[in-house]
């Protein structure tokens, strides 16, 4: 009897009827002979509500640090409610089940409250329960520090919890149930001809997750790749008695028989472009700029520098998330005299569109196809960045959907 981890996100457990649907999916896997651990998120919208309460309490307390350990105590409670409700539901179905909180497993983390990373999961108690035929319903998103304080893994952390537990107990697979039935070649809301992928490599999924695809959380894919945990993305919105389907399997590249040159097109509208004009063109300037931003925990993505017409002067463009744009401008303006640039501008009306595929490693002409397809549609490229398996471009946000559809067709993804 193999061990299986099933994870259900907030939309899958949004109300009692959906929790009962989840119960039926879990029961089907138990009947199929699996020893099942279930990881659950908070009910849809609950974490946002709890975070808002902590914001209010922080203001009342005149500046409570958002990373305070009491913040985690509050926001971790949503998963606790869901775990208890699902365990009760399974018991009412005649199954053996109990809820497990992060400290009971235990899921041991570092002390970075609000964004903790998992250090260890001793598997003995959980494995003993599973092997005894009990369904373990585990609260995702949360853990415990070594000094016994509740911690949380950051938004989307339940995916990471599930993959980490699957690795700890030696599960044959980690099934992530969500509101879509797999990973698609692009967003079906933009391109109706988007196709579900039967398999996708860890590397491709990691790029897609980091570039805007919301199916899986980035850290969970990193962990799955490091621990070689097979992950399957499935839909939880199936009728009673209906199989959830095959979904998409995230696995090693070697397990994919026919490697595609491009597997998908991703996009993100959460981008802001910052331009520094009249920058001194000599060593140390870039280090000064980006060290200041790093010290303020501002994540920088795309970067391009070009010579200006004046000798020894350059212009630089880089992108940050929209929520960090105002702070990034404030930081560089505060250092303007030291850096020596002439002016700074910010543009939030931009989007990043990317093509991803492991086949890029061995095929020429991928960039040519991308740039030609965008040019044919009159889409101007502002910034370009590349990795071994992806090409990203920054464009005017108004052209996002047009660019996605053009690239999806250019690489033949609608014909898979």
Protein backbone atom coordinates (compact mmCIF):
# COMPACT_ATOMS: atom_id res chain seq x y z
CA UNK A 1 0.00 0.00 0.00
CA UNK A 2 1.65 3.22 -1.17
CA UNK A 3 1.47 6.49 0.71
CA UNK A 4 -0.22 9.41 -1.01
CA UNK A 5 -0.39 13.10 -0.09
CA UNK A 6 -3.42 15.07 -1.28
CA UNK A 7 -3.49 18.86 -1.00
CA UNK A 8 -6.62 21.03 -1.31
CA UNK A 9 -6.49 24.80 -1.74
CA UNK A 10 -8.84 27.46 -0.42
CA UNK A 11 -11.36 27.32 -3.27
CA UNK A 12 -11.58 23.53 -2.89
CA UNK A 13 -12.59 23.86 0.79
CA UNK A 14 -14.47 27.16 0.56
CA UNK A 15 -17.63 25.87 2.27
CA UNK A 16 -19.05 22.76 3.89
CA UNK A 17 -20.42 21.34 0.63
CA UNK A 18 -16.99 21.57 -0.99
CA UNK A 19 -15.39 20.03 2.08
CA UNK A 20 -17.82 17.11 1.72
CA UNK A 21 -16.76 16.82 -1.94
CA UNK A 22 -13.13 16.70 -0.79
CA UNK A 23 -14.11 14.00 1.68
CA UNK A 24 -15.46 11.87 -1.17
CA UNK A 25 -12.23 12.31 -3.16
CA UNK A 26 -10.19 11.25 -0.14
CA UNK A 27 -12.44 8.26 0.49
CA UNK A 28 -11.96 7.12 -3.11
CA UNK A 29 -8.17 7.06 -2.68
CA UNK A 30 -8.48 5.14 0.58
CA UNK A 31 -10.74 2.60 -1.11
CA UNK A 32 -8.10 2.29 -3.87
CA UNK A 33 -5.65 1.09 -1.23
CA UNK A 34 -3.62 4.20 -0.48
CA UNK A 35 -2.48 5.41 2.92
CA UNK A 36 -3.52 9.02 2.72
CA UNK A 37 -2.30 12.25 4.25
CA UNK A 38 -4.36 15.33 3.35
CA UNK A 39 -2.99 18.88 3.52
CA UNK A 40 -5.56 21.69 3.56
CA UNK A 41 -5.52 25.45 3.15
CA UNK A 42 -7.81 27.88 4.93
CA UNK A 43 -11.27 28.37 3.43
CA UNK A 44 -11.22 30.84 0.54
CA UNK A 45 -10.89 34.43 1.76
CA UNK A 46 -10.26 33.49 5.39
CA UNK A 47 -6.51 34.22 5.40
CA UNK A 48 -7.12 37.66 3.91
CA UNK A 49 -9.61 38.36 6.68
CA UNK A 50 -7.18 37.23 9.36
CA UNK A 51 -4.34 39.30 7.88
CA UNK A 52 -6.64 42.35 7.91
CA UNK A 53 -7.34 41.75 11.59
CA UNK A 54 -3.62 41.66 12.36
CA UNK A 55 -3.18 44.91 10.45
CA UNK A 56 -5.84 46.52 12.61
CA UNK A 57 -4.33 45.12 15.80
CA UNK A 58 -0.90 46.35 14.74
CA UNK A 59 -2.20 49.88 14.29
CA UNK A 60 -3.94 49.75 17.66
CA UNK A 61 -0.68 48.59 19.22
CA UNK A 62 1.13 51.51 17.58
CA UNK A 63 3.42 49.68 15.22
CA UNK A 64 3.28 45.94 15.87
CA UNK A 65 5.87 44.36 13.57
CA UNK A 66 4.11 42.33 10.81
CA UNK A 67 6.73 39.60 11.37
CA UNK A 68 5.78 39.33 15.04
CA UNK A 69 5.21 35.75 16.17
CA UNK A 70 1.68 36.64 17.26
CA UNK A 71 0.89 37.45 13.60
CA UNK A 72 1.52 33.78 12.82
CA UNK A 73 -0.63 32.69 15.75
CA UNK A 74 -3.57 34.55 14.22
CA UNK A 75 -3.20 33.79 10.51
CA UNK A 76 -2.44 30.08 11.04
CA UNK A 77 -5.87 29.56 12.58
CA UNK A 78 -7.66 29.35 9.23
CA UNK A 79 -6.01 26.06 8.33
CA UNK A 80 -6.75 24.69 11.78
CA UNK A 81 -10.49 25.20 11.21
CA UNK A 82 -10.40 23.49 7.81
CA UNK A 83 -8.40 20.53 9.08
CA UNK A 84 -10.87 19.95 11.92
CA UNK A 85 -13.90 20.24 9.65
CA UNK A 86 -12.51 17.80 7.09
CA UNK A 87 -11.51 15.29 9.79
CA UNK A 88 -15.03 15.48 11.21
CA UNK A 89 -16.49 15.00 7.72
CA UNK A 90 -14.35 11.90 7.11
CA UNK A 91 -15.35 10.45 10.49
CA UNK A 92 -19.01 10.99 9.63
CA UNK A 93 -18.34 8.96 6.47
CA UNK A 94 -17.17 6.06 8.64
CA UNK A 95 -13.44 6.60 8.05
CA UNK A 96 -10.65 6.82 10.61
CA UNK A 97 -9.25 10.36 10.53
CA UNK A 98 -7.71 12.98 12.80
CA UNK A 99 -6.41 16.49 12.34
CA UNK A 100 -2.75 17.42 12.74
CA UNK A 101 -1.48 20.93 13.32
CA UNK A 102 2.02 21.96 12.30
CA UNK A 103 3.42 21.62 15.81
CA UNK A 104 1.92 18.15 16.20
CA UNK A 105 3.56 16.62 13.12
CA UNK A 106 5.98 18.47 13.80
CA UNK A 107 6.87 20.68 10.81
CA UNK A 108 9.98 22.40 12.16
CA UNK A 109 10.86 25.76 10.62
CA UNK A 110 13.30 28.59 11.07
CA UNK A 111 12.22 31.70 13.01
CA UNK A 112 11.42 33.97 10.05
CA UNK A 113 7.80 34.54 11.10
CA UNK A 114 5.43 35.18 8.20
CA UNK A 115 7.86 33.69 5.67
CA UNK A 116 9.41 30.72 7.48
CA UNK A 117 11.28 27.95 5.67
CA UNK A 118 10.99 24.29 6.63
CA UNK A 119 14.08 22.85 8.34
CA UNK A 120 12.91 19.33 9.15
CA UNK A 121 9.87 17.03 9.40
CA UNK A 122 10.54 14.02 11.65
CA UNK A 123 8.28 11.43 9.99
CA UNK A 124 7.91 8.82 12.72
CA UNK A 125 4.56 9.84 14.24
CA UNK A 126 2.94 10.59 10.91
CA UNK A 127 4.16 7.39 9.27
CA UNK A 128 2.94 5.34 12.24
CA UNK A 129 -0.54 6.88 11.95
CA UNK A 130 -0.71 6.33 8.19
CA UNK A 131 0.50 2.74 8.42
CA UNK A 132 -2.14 2.11 11.09
CA UNK A 133 -4.80 3.03 8.55
CA UNK A 134 -5.59 6.52 9.82
CA UNK A 135 -6.14 9.46 7.46
CA UNK A 136 -3.95 12.35 8.59
CA UNK A 137 -5.58 15.71 7.87
CA UNK A 138 -2.79 18.26 8.19
CA UNK A 139 -3.07 22.03 8.44
CA UNK A 140 -0.95 23.48 5.66
CA UNK A 141 0.94 26.78 5.66
CA UNK A 142 2.08 26.40 9.25
CA UNK A 143 4.88 24.94 11.31
CA UNK A 144 6.66 25.41 14.62
CA UNK A 145 9.99 26.95 15.49
CA UNK A 146 12.52 25.07 17.59
CA UNK A 147 11.54 27.15 20.61
CA UNK A 148 7.90 26.09 20.22
CA UNK A 149 6.31 29.13 18.55
CA UNK A 150 3.81 28.80 15.68
CA UNK A 151 5.24 29.89 12.32
CA UNK A 152 3.78 30.35 8.84
CA UNK A 153 5.40 29.75 5.46
CA UNK A 154 4.11 32.78 3.55
CA UNK A 155 1.21 33.04 1.11
CA UNK A 156 0.70 29.87 -0.91
CA UNK A 157 2.68 27.93 1.67
CA UNK A 158 0.26 25.00 1.81
CA UNK A 159 1.67 23.70 -1.48
CA UNK A 160 5.11 23.71 0.12
CA UNK A 161 3.73 21.94 3.20
CA UNK A 162 2.27 19.19 1.03
CA UNK A 163 5.45 18.56 -0.96
CA UNK A 164 7.58 18.58 2.19
CA UNK A 165 5.30 16.05 3.89
CA UNK A 166 5.30 13.85 0.78
CA UNK A 167 9.10 13.83 0.85
CA UNK A 168 9.21 13.13 4.59
CA UNK A 169 6.85 10.13 4.50
CA UNK A 170 8.15 8.72 1.22
CA UNK A 171 4.89 9.24 -0.66
CA UNK A 172 4.62 7.89 -4.19
CA UNK A 173 3.03 11.15 -5.33
CA UNK A 174 1.80 14.52 -4.12
CA UNK A 175 -1.57 15.40 -5.66
CA UNK A 176 -2.35 19.13 -5.68
CA UNK A 177 -6.08 19.67 -6.13
CA UNK A 178 -7.12 23.10 -7.32
CA UNK A 179 -9.78 24.84 -9.42
CA UNK A 180 -8.15 23.83 -12.72
CA UNK A 181 -7.62 20.34 -14.10
CA UNK A 182 -3.92 20.68 -14.83
CA UNK A 183 -1.19 22.91 -16.21
CA UNK A 184 -2.07 24.52 -19.53
CA UNK A 185 0.07 25.84 -22.37
CA UNK A 186 -1.21 29.29 -21.39
CA UNK A 187 -4.09 30.91 -19.53
CA UNK A 188 -7.32 29.45 -21.03
CA UNK A 189 -9.10 32.68 -20.13
CA UNK A 190 -6.96 34.47 -22.72
CA UNK A 191 -6.49 31.72 -25.31
CA UNK A 192 -9.41 29.30 -25.69
CA UNK A 193 -7.18 26.91 -27.66
CA UNK A 194 -4.83 26.42 -24.71
CA UNK A 195 -4.09 22.73 -24.16
CA UNK A 196 -3.58 20.80 -20.95
CA UNK A 197 -0.10 19.29 -20.68
CA UNK A 198 0.09 15.63 -19.66
CA UNK A 199 3.60 16.14 -18.23
CA UNK A 200 5.86 19.09 -17.53
CA UNK A 201 9.38 19.13 -16.15
CA UNK A 202 10.24 20.58 -12.74
CA UNK A 203 12.39 23.22 -14.46
CA UNK A 204 9.61 24.32 -16.78
CA UNK A 205 7.04 24.42 -13.97
CA UNK A 206 9.41 26.44 -11.81
CA UNK A 207 9.86 29.00 -14.58
CA UNK A 208 6.12 29.13 -15.26
CA UNK A 209 5.32 29.56 -11.56
CA UNK A 210 7.87 32.35 -11.15
CA UNK A 211 6.74 34.07 -14.36
CA UNK A 212 3.08 34.44 -13.50
CA UNK A 213 1.35 31.04 -13.74
CA UNK A 214 -0.66 30.63 -10.52
CA UNK A 215 -1.19 26.86 -10.55
CA UNK A 216 1.65 26.00 -8.15
CA UNK A 217 3.60 28.07 -5.66
CA UNK A 218 7.25 28.59 -6.61
CA UNK A 219 8.80 27.26 -3.39
CA UNK A 220 6.77 24.04 -3.63
CA UNK A 221 8.17 23.37 -7.12
CA UNK A 222 11.72 24.09 -5.91
CA UNK A 223 11.26 21.60 -3.08
CA UNK A 224 9.68 18.97 -5.33
CA UNK A 225 12.62 19.27 -7.74
CA UNK A 226 15.18 19.06 -4.93
CA UNK A 227 13.51 16.03 -3.31
CA UNK A 228 12.39 14.45 -6.62
CA UNK A 229 8.77 14.25 -5.46
CA UNK A 230 6.35 13.63 -8.36
CA UNK A 231 3.56 16.21 -8.24
CA UNK A 232 0.23 15.88 -10.00
CA UNK A 233 -2.13 18.83 -10.56
CA UNK A 234 -5.81 17.83 -10.54
CA UNK A 235 -9.21 19.48 -10.31
CA UNK A 236 -11.24 19.09 -7.14
CA UNK A 237 -14.40 20.25 -8.93
CA UNK A 238 -15.70 16.92 -10.14
CA UNK A 239 -19.13 15.40 -9.74
CA UNK A 240 -19.65 12.65 -7.13
CA UNK A 241 -18.38 9.36 -8.50
CA UNK A 242 -16.54 11.03 -11.38
CA UNK A 243 -12.79 10.46 -11.62
CA UNK A 244 -10.70 13.64 -11.30
CA UNK A 245 -8.85 12.80 -14.51
CA UNK A 246 -5.13 12.46 -15.16
CA UNK A 247 -4.28 16.13 -14.68
CA UNK A 248 -0.68 17.20 -15.25
CA UNK A 249 2.33 15.40 -13.79
CA UNK A 250 5.33 17.53 -12.79
CA UNK A 251 8.37 15.27 -13.03
CA UNK A 252 11.99 14.86 -14.13
CA UNK A 253 12.77 15.96 -17.66
CA UNK A 254 14.00 12.43 -18.43
CA UNK A 255 10.48 11.08 -17.85
CA UNK A 256 9.07 13.14 -20.73
CA UNK A 257 9.48 11.10 -23.90
CA UNK A 258 8.93 13.85 -26.47
CA UNK A 259 10.39 17.13 -25.28
CA UNK A 260 8.71 20.20 -26.71
CA UNK A 261 10.77 23.19 -27.82
CA UNK A 262 8.29 25.46 -26.03
CA UNK A 263 5.83 24.12 -23.46
CA UNK A 264 3.98 27.25 -22.47
CA UNK A 265 3.45 30.98 -22.55
CA UNK A 266 3.19 32.81 -19.21
CA UNK A 267 2.48 36.42 -18.41
CA UNK A 268 2.49 38.78 -15.44
CA UNK A 269 0.86 42.18 -15.11
CA UNK A 270 2.43 42.70 -11.69
CA UNK A 271 5.40 44.59 -13.14
CA UNK A 272 6.77 48.11 -12.91
CA UNK A 273 9.67 49.46 -14.95
CA UNK A 274 12.07 51.91 -13.35
CA UNK A 275 14.42 53.92 -15.54
CA UNK A 276 17.51 55.78 -14.35
CA UNK A 277 18.72 58.47 -16.78
CA UNK A 278 22.19 59.92 -16.98
CA UNK A 279 23.90 57.27 -14.90
CA UNK A 280 27.70 57.44 -14.50
CA UNK A 281 29.17 54.64 -16.61
CA UNK A 282 31.95 53.31 -14.38
CA UNK A 283 32.52 50.27 -12.12
CA UNK A 284 30.62 50.08 -8.84
CA UNK A 285 27.54 52.08 -9.81
CA UNK A 286 25.31 49.02 -10.44
CA UNK A 287 26.56 47.39 -7.23
CA UNK A 288 25.59 50.50 -5.28
CA UNK A 289 22.10 50.69 -6.78
CA UNK A 290 21.17 47.05 -6.33
CA UNK A 291 22.75 46.67 -2.90
CA UNK A 292 20.50 49.49 -1.67
CA UNK A 293 17.46 47.77 -3.14
CA UNK A 294 18.50 44.38 -1.75
CA UNK A 295 18.99 45.83 1.73
CA UNK A 296 15.36 46.98 1.56
CA UNK A 297 14.20 43.50 0.39
CA UNK A 298 13.13 44.84 -3.03
CA UNK A 299 13.33 42.02 -5.55
CA UNK A 300 14.65 43.10 -8.96
CA UNK A 301 13.86 41.05 -12.05
CA UNK A 302 14.78 42.26 -15.54
CA UNK A 303 17.76 44.60 -15.98
CA UNK A 304 19.15 46.33 -19.06
CA UNK A 305 21.78 49.05 -19.35
CA UNK A 306 22.60 51.03 -22.49
CA UNK A 307 25.08 53.74 -23.38
CA UNK A 308 23.69 57.25 -23.60
CA UNK A 309 24.79 59.69 -26.30
CA UNK A 310 27.04 61.49 -23.83
CA UNK A 311 30.45 59.91 -23.18
CA UNK A 312 30.75 57.93 -19.93
CA UNK A 313 26.99 58.16 -19.30
CA UNK A 314 24.45 55.31 -19.40
CA UNK A 315 20.74 54.73 -18.93
CA UNK A 316 19.46 51.76 -16.91
CA UNK A 317 16.07 50.06 -16.81
CA UNK A 318 14.99 47.39 -14.35
CA UNK A 319 11.70 45.87 -13.20
CA UNK A 320 10.22 45.26 -9.77
CA UNK A 321 6.81 44.14 -8.55
CA UNK A 322 4.20 46.89 -8.64
CA UNK A 323 3.84 46.92 -4.87
CA UNK A 324 7.57 47.68 -4.55
CA UNK A 325 7.71 50.38 -7.24
CA UNK A 326 7.14 53.45 -5.07
CA UNK A 327 9.58 52.19 -2.44
CA UNK A 328 12.23 51.41 -5.07
CA UNK A 329 11.97 54.95 -6.48
CA UNK A 330 12.20 56.37 -2.98
CA UNK A 331 15.34 54.32 -2.28
CA UNK A 332 17.19 55.35 -5.43
CA UNK A 333 16.15 58.99 -5.04
CA UNK A 334 17.55 58.99 -1.50
CA UNK A 335 20.89 57.86 -2.94
CA UNK A 336 20.80 60.12 -6.02
CA UNK A 337 23.67 62.33 -4.89
CA UNK A 338 25.85 59.31 -4.13
CA UNK A 339 24.93 57.41 -7.32
CA UNK A 340 25.04 60.48 -9.53
CA UNK A 341 22.17 59.85 -11.97
CA UNK A 342 20.18 62.72 -13.48
CA UNK A 343 16.57 61.56 -13.19
CA UNK A 344 14.34 58.55 -12.46
CA UNK A 345 11.01 57.51 -14.00
CA UNK A 346 8.58 54.70 -13.24
CA UNK A 347 6.11 53.02 -15.60
CA UNK A 348 3.51 50.64 -14.16
CA UNK A 349 1.65 50.18 -17.43
CA UNK A 350 3.81 47.25 -18.52
CA UNK A 351 3.56 43.45 -18.59
CA UNK A 352 6.02 40.59 -18.83
CA UNK A 353 5.33 37.82 -21.35
CA UNK A 354 7.50 34.69 -21.40
CA UNK A 355 7.93 31.52 -23.42
CA UNK A 356 9.25 28.46 -21.55
CA UNK A 357 10.55 25.08 -22.72
CA UNK A 358 13.37 22.65 -22.01
CA UNK A 359 13.71 22.16 -25.77
CA UNK A 360 15.32 25.59 -26.03
CA UNK A 361 18.56 24.03 -24.84
CA UNK A 362 19.02 22.16 -28.10
CA UNK A 363 17.09 24.16 -30.69
CA UNK A 364 18.03 27.37 -32.48
CA UNK A 365 15.57 30.00 -33.67
CA UNK A 366 13.35 30.22 -30.59
CA UNK A 367 14.09 33.92 -30.07
CA UNK A 368 13.63 34.64 -33.77
CA UNK A 369 10.15 33.07 -33.70
CA UNK A 370 9.20 35.10 -30.64
CA UNK A 371 10.41 38.44 -31.92
CA UNK A 372 8.93 37.89 -35.38
CA UNK A 373 5.52 36.95 -33.97
CA UNK A 374 5.43 40.07 -31.79
CA UNK A 375 6.65 42.33 -34.60
CA UNK A 376 3.95 41.00 -36.93
CA UNK A 377 1.35 42.12 -34.38
CA UNK A 378 2.96 45.53 -33.86
CA UNK A 379 4.06 44.76 -30.30
CA UNK A 380 7.15 46.72 -29.25
CA UNK A 381 9.67 45.06 -26.91
CA UNK A 382 11.07 47.26 -24.14
CA UNK A 383 13.29 44.86 -22.16
CA UNK A 384 14.50 41.29 -22.80
CA UNK A 385 15.81 38.68 -20.34
CA UNK A 386 16.70 35.04 -20.91
CA UNK A 387 17.65 31.86 -19.12
CA UNK A 388 18.54 28.43 -20.45
CA UNK A 389 14.86 27.49 -20.86
CA UNK A 390 12.96 30.78 -21.11
CA UNK A 391 12.79 34.12 -22.89
CA UNK A 392 10.91 37.01 -21.28
CA UNK A 393 10.02 40.36 -22.80
CA UNK A 394 8.56 43.48 -21.24
CA UNK A 395 5.83 45.11 -23.31
CA UNK A 396 3.07 47.69 -23.00
CA UNK A 397 0.35 46.16 -20.80
CA UNK A 398 -2.33 46.96 -23.40
CA UNK A 399 -0.82 44.32 -25.70
CA UNK A 400 -0.64 41.48 -23.14
CA UNK A 401 -3.45 39.31 -24.45
CA UNK A 402 -2.53 39.93 -28.09
CA UNK A 403 1.07 38.91 -27.38
CA UNK A 404 0.06 35.76 -25.50
CA UNK A 405 -2.23 34.59 -28.30
CA UNK A 406 0.35 35.40 -30.99
CA UNK A 407 3.12 33.46 -29.26
CA UNK A 408 0.83 30.53 -28.43
CA UNK A 409 0.06 30.18 -32.15
CA UNK A 410 3.63 30.87 -33.33
CA UNK A 411 4.98 27.87 -31.40
CA UNK A 412 2.11 25.58 -32.41
CA UNK A 413 0.87 25.13 -28.83
CA UNK A 414 -2.74 25.11 -29.98
CA UNK A 415 -1.99 21.94 -31.96
CA UNK A 416 -0.61 19.72 -29.17
